Amino acid sequence: MATDKGIALFRLLGLGSTRRSILMLVLSWILNVAWLGFNYFWRLVPESVLIAIPVLLLLYGLLALVAYIYWGIKGVREQDEPYASIMVGAIVAITLLYLNYTLLDALLSLSQS
């Protein structure tokens, strides 16, 4: 079934629950900031790699947000968890994605100058 493949993919990527999904969003944001800071001081890689890694982390963050919402809705349906936890988590996740996007946009604007 399609949902079984999706669940297997989420688990394979470390997104097997709401806690793990939000943890992976935070981790991807920290890795993005660390990567940009590390490369800023040492200039290790060319611009194409410098842009590609934050893009991949942003895509992973989007997947983690989808997984977080999936597991949250599944928890609401199966275990009568409150919707408020999904709302708070989604707000945090969207904020982290916005920060990742802002970092990527700043990096793109710097590379074009």
C-alpha atoms as a PDB file:
ATOM      1  CA  MET A   1       0.000   0.000   0.000  1.00  0.00           C
ATOM      2  CA  ALA A   2       1.077   3.578  -0.593  1.00  0.00           C
ATOM      3  CA  THR A   3       0.805   4.586   3.063  1.00  0.00           C
ATOM      4  CA  ASP A   4       2.902   1.614   4.165  1.00  0.00           C
ATOM      5  CA  LYS A   5       5.686   2.756   1.817  1.00  0.00           C
ATOM      6  CA  GLY A   6       5.382   6.296   3.158  1.00  0.00           C
ATOM      7  CA  ILE A   7       5.575   5.105   6.751  1.00  0.00           C
ATOM      8  CA  ALA A   8       8.603   2.965   5.917  1.00  0.00           C
ATOM      9  CA  LEU A   9      10.273   5.981   4.277  1.00  0.00           C
ATOM     10  CA  PHE A  10       9.591   8.188   7.313  1.00  0.00           C
ATOM     11  CA  ARG A  11      11.058   5.568   9.625  1.00  0.00           C
ATOM     12  CA  LEU A  12      14.057   5.026   7.368  1.00  0.00           C
ATOM     13  CA  LEU A  13      14.811   8.746   7.468  1.00  0.00           C
ATOM     14  CA  GLY A  14      14.511   8.891  11.258  1.00  0.00           C
ATOM     15  CA  LEU A  15      11.055  10.471  11.227  1.00  0.00           C
ATOM     16  CA  GLY A  16       9.175   7.664  12.939  1.00  0.00           C
ATOM     17  CA  SER A  17       7.285   9.733  15.510  1.00  0.00           C
ATOM     18  CA  THR A  18       6.288  13.300  16.318  1.00  0.00           C
ATOM     19  CA  ARG A  19       9.193  13.713  18.747  1.00  0.00           C
ATOM     20  CA  ARG A  20      11.739  12.431  16.271  1.00  0.00           C
ATOM     21  CA  SER A  21      10.314  14.568  13.474  1.00  0.00           C
ATOM     22  CA  ILE A  22      10.579  17.785  15.483  1.00  0.00           C
ATOM     23  CA  LEU A  23      14.016  16.736  16.747  1.00  0.00           C
ATOM     24  CA  MET A  24      15.188  16.200  13.170  1.00  0.00           C
ATOM     25  CA  LEU A  25      13.839  19.622  12.178  1.00  0.00           C
ATOM     26  CA  VAL A  26      15.844  21.239  14.970  1.00  0.00           C
ATOM     27  CA  LEU A  27      18.894  19.152  14.088  1.00  0.00           C
ATOM     28  CA  SER A  28      18.679  20.101  10.393  1.00  0.00           C
ATOM     29  CA  TRP A  29      18.487  23.806  11.359  1.00  0.00           C
ATOM     30  CA  ILE A  30      21.501  23.473  13.683  1.00  0.00           C
ATOM     31  CA  LEU A  31      23.447  21.616  10.990  1.00  0.00           C
ATOM     32  CA  ASN A  32      22.573  24.312   8.459  1.00  0.00           C
ATOM     33  CA  VAL A  33      23.802  27.101  10.737  1.00  0.00           C
ATOM     34  CA  ALA A  34      26.926  25.116  11.686  1.00  0.00           C
ATOM     35  CA  TRP A  35      27.715  24.329   8.041  1.00  0.00           C
ATOM     36  CA  LEU A  36      27.357  27.945   6.942  1.00  0.00           C
ATOM     37  CA  GLY A  37      29.398  29.191   9.902  1.00  0.00           C
ATOM     38  CA  PHE A  38      32.107  26.578   9.428  1.00  0.00           C
ATOM     39  CA  ASN A  39      32.431  27.322   5.738  1.00  0.00           C
ATOM     40  CA  TYR A  40      32.335  31.086   6.361  1.00  0.00           C
ATOM     41  CA  PHE A  41      35.530  30.933   8.416  1.00  0.00           C
ATOM     42  CA  TRP A  42      37.477  28.353   6.406  1.00  0.00           C
ATOM     43  CA  ARG A  43      36.115  28.581   2.827  1.00  0.00           C
ATOM     44  CA  LEU A  44      36.331  24.836   2.298  1.00  0.00           C
ATOM     45  CA  VAL A  45      33.987  24.253  -0.618  1.00  0.00           C
ATOM     46  CA  PRO A  46      32.939  26.012  -3.832  1.00  0.00           C
ATOM     47  CA  GLU A  47      29.691  27.956  -4.043  1.00  0.00           C
ATOM     48  CA  SER A  48      27.711  25.147  -5.690  1.00  0.00           C
ATOM     49  CA  VAL A  49      28.335  22.822  -2.729  1.00  0.00           C
ATOM     50  CA  LEU A  50      27.791  25.656  -0.280  1.00  0.00           C
ATOM     51  CA  ILE A  51      24.328  26.204  -1.753  1.00  0.00           C
ATOM     52  CA  ALA A  52      23.466  22.528  -2.330  1.00  0.00           C
ATOM     53  CA  ILE A  53      23.792  21.398   1.284  1.00  0.00           C
ATOM     54  CA  PRO A  54      21.370  23.999   2.754  1.00  0.00           C
ATOM     55  CA  VAL A  55      18.936  23.185  -0.079  1.00  0.00           C
ATOM     56  CA  LEU A  56      19.075  19.490   0.851  1.00  0.00           C
ATOM     57  CA  LEU A  57      18.636  20.332   4.538  1.00  0.00           C
ATOM     58  CA  LEU A  58      15.658  22.515   3.635  1.00  0.00           C
ATOM     59  CA  LEU A  59      14.078  19.663   1.655  1.00  0.00           C
ATOM     60  CA  TYR A  60      14.689  17.310   4.571  1.00  0.00           C
ATOM     61  CA  GLY A  61      13.085  19.866   6.874  1.00  0.00           C
ATOM     62  CA  LEU A  62      10.001  19.975   4.646  1.00  0.00           C
ATOM     63  CA  LEU A  63       9.809  16.183   4.740  1.00  0.00           C
ATOM     64  CA  ALA A  64      10.162  16.272   8.529  1.00  0.00           C
ATOM     65  CA  LEU A  65       7.284  18.774   8.733  1.00  0.00           C
ATOM     66  CA  VAL A  66       5.090  16.498   6.628  1.00  0.00           C
ATOM     67  CA  ALA A  67       6.055  13.536   8.828  1.00  0.00           C
ATOM     68  CA  TYR A  68       5.359  15.548  11.980  1.00  0.00           C
ATOM     69  CA  ILE A  69       1.880  16.480  10.778  1.00  0.00           C
ATOM     70  CA  TYR A  70       1.209  12.886   9.650  1.00  0.00           C
ATOM     71  CA  TRP A  71       2.218  11.351  12.978  1.00  0.00           C
ATOM     72  CA  GLY A  72       0.394  14.100  14.908  1.00  0.00           C
ATOM     73  CA  ILE A  73      -2.880  13.529  13.068  1.00  0.00           C
ATOM     74  CA  LYS A  74      -2.453   9.789  13.442  1.00  0.00           C
ATOM     75  CA  GLY A  75      -1.986  10.283  17.201  1.00  0.00           C
ATOM     76  CA  VAL A  76      -5.125  12.442  17.374  1.00  0.00           C
ATOM     77  CA  ARG A  77      -7.194   9.821  15.569  1.00  0.00           C
ATOM     78  CA  GLU A  78      -5.868   6.753  17.370  1.00  0.00           C
ATOM     79  CA  GLN A  79      -5.055   7.994  20.872  1.00  0.00           C
ATOM     80  CA  ASP A  80      -7.227  11.111  21.244  1.00  0.00           C
ATOM     81  CA  GLU A  81      -4.234  13.407  21.689  1.00  0.00           C
ATOM     82  CA  PRO A  82      -5.014  17.151  21.648  1.00  0.00           C
ATOM     83  CA  TYR A  83      -4.805  19.115  18.403  1.00  0.00           C
ATOM     84  CA  ALA A  84      -2.964  21.889  20.261  1.00  0.00           C
ATOM     85  CA  SER A  85       0.270  19.897  20.301  1.00  0.00           C
ATOM     86  CA  ILE A  86       0.144  19.602  16.509  1.00  0.00           C
ATOM     87  CA  MET A  87      -0.476  23.337  16.180  1.00  0.00           C
ATOM     88  CA  VAL A  88       2.432  24.266  18.448  1.00  0.00           C
ATOM     89  CA  GLY A  89       4.752  21.781  16.749  1.00  0.00           C
ATOM     90  CA  ALA A  90       3.719  22.959  13.287  1.00  0.00           C
ATOM     91  CA  ILE A  91       4.386  26.582  14.273  1.00  0.00           C
ATOM     92  CA  VAL A  92       7.853  25.630  15.551  1.00  0.00           C
ATOM     93  CA  ALA A  93       8.539  23.584  12.418  1.00  0.00           C
ATOM     94  CA  ILE A  94       7.407  26.339  10.068  1.00  0.00           C
ATOM     95  CA  THR A  95       9.542  28.859  11.993  1.00  0.00           C
ATOM     96  CA  LEU A  96      12.603  26.625  11.624  1.00  0.00           C
ATOM     97  CA  LEU A  97      11.900  26.173   7.914  1.00  0.00           C
ATOM     98  CA  TYR A  98      11.552  29.939   7.548  1.00  0.00           C
ATOM     99  CA  LEU A  99      14.903  30.449   9.273  1.00  0.00           C
ATOM    100  CA  ASN A 100      16.514  27.856   6.983  1.00  0.00           C
ATOM    101  CA  TYR A 101      14.997  29.567   3.958  1.00  0.00           C
ATOM    102  CA  THR A 102      16.205  32.977   5.160  1.00  0.00           C
ATOM    103  CA  LEU A 103      19.728  31.635   5.584  1.00  0.00           C
ATOM    104  CA  LEU A 104      19.610  30.142   2.092  1.00  0.00           C
ATOM    105  CA  ASP A 105      18.261  33.379   0.618  1.00  0.00           C
ATOM    106  CA  ALA A 106      21.030  35.372   2.318  1.00  0.00           C
ATOM    107  CA  LEU A 107      23.595  32.923   0.998  1.00  0.00           C
ATOM    108  CA  LEU A 108      22.218  33.213  -2.537  1.00  0.00           C
ATOM    109  CA  SER A 109      22.233  36.997  -2.381  1.00  0.00           C
ATOM    110  CA  LEU A 110      25.833  36.996  -1.142  1.00  0.00           C
ATOM    111  CA  SER A 111      26.939  34.629  -3.892  1.00  0.00           C
ATOM    112  CA  GLN A 112      25.390  36.822  -6.594  1.00  0.00           C
ATOM    113  CA  SER A 113      27.190  39.963  -5.416  1.00  0.00           C
END
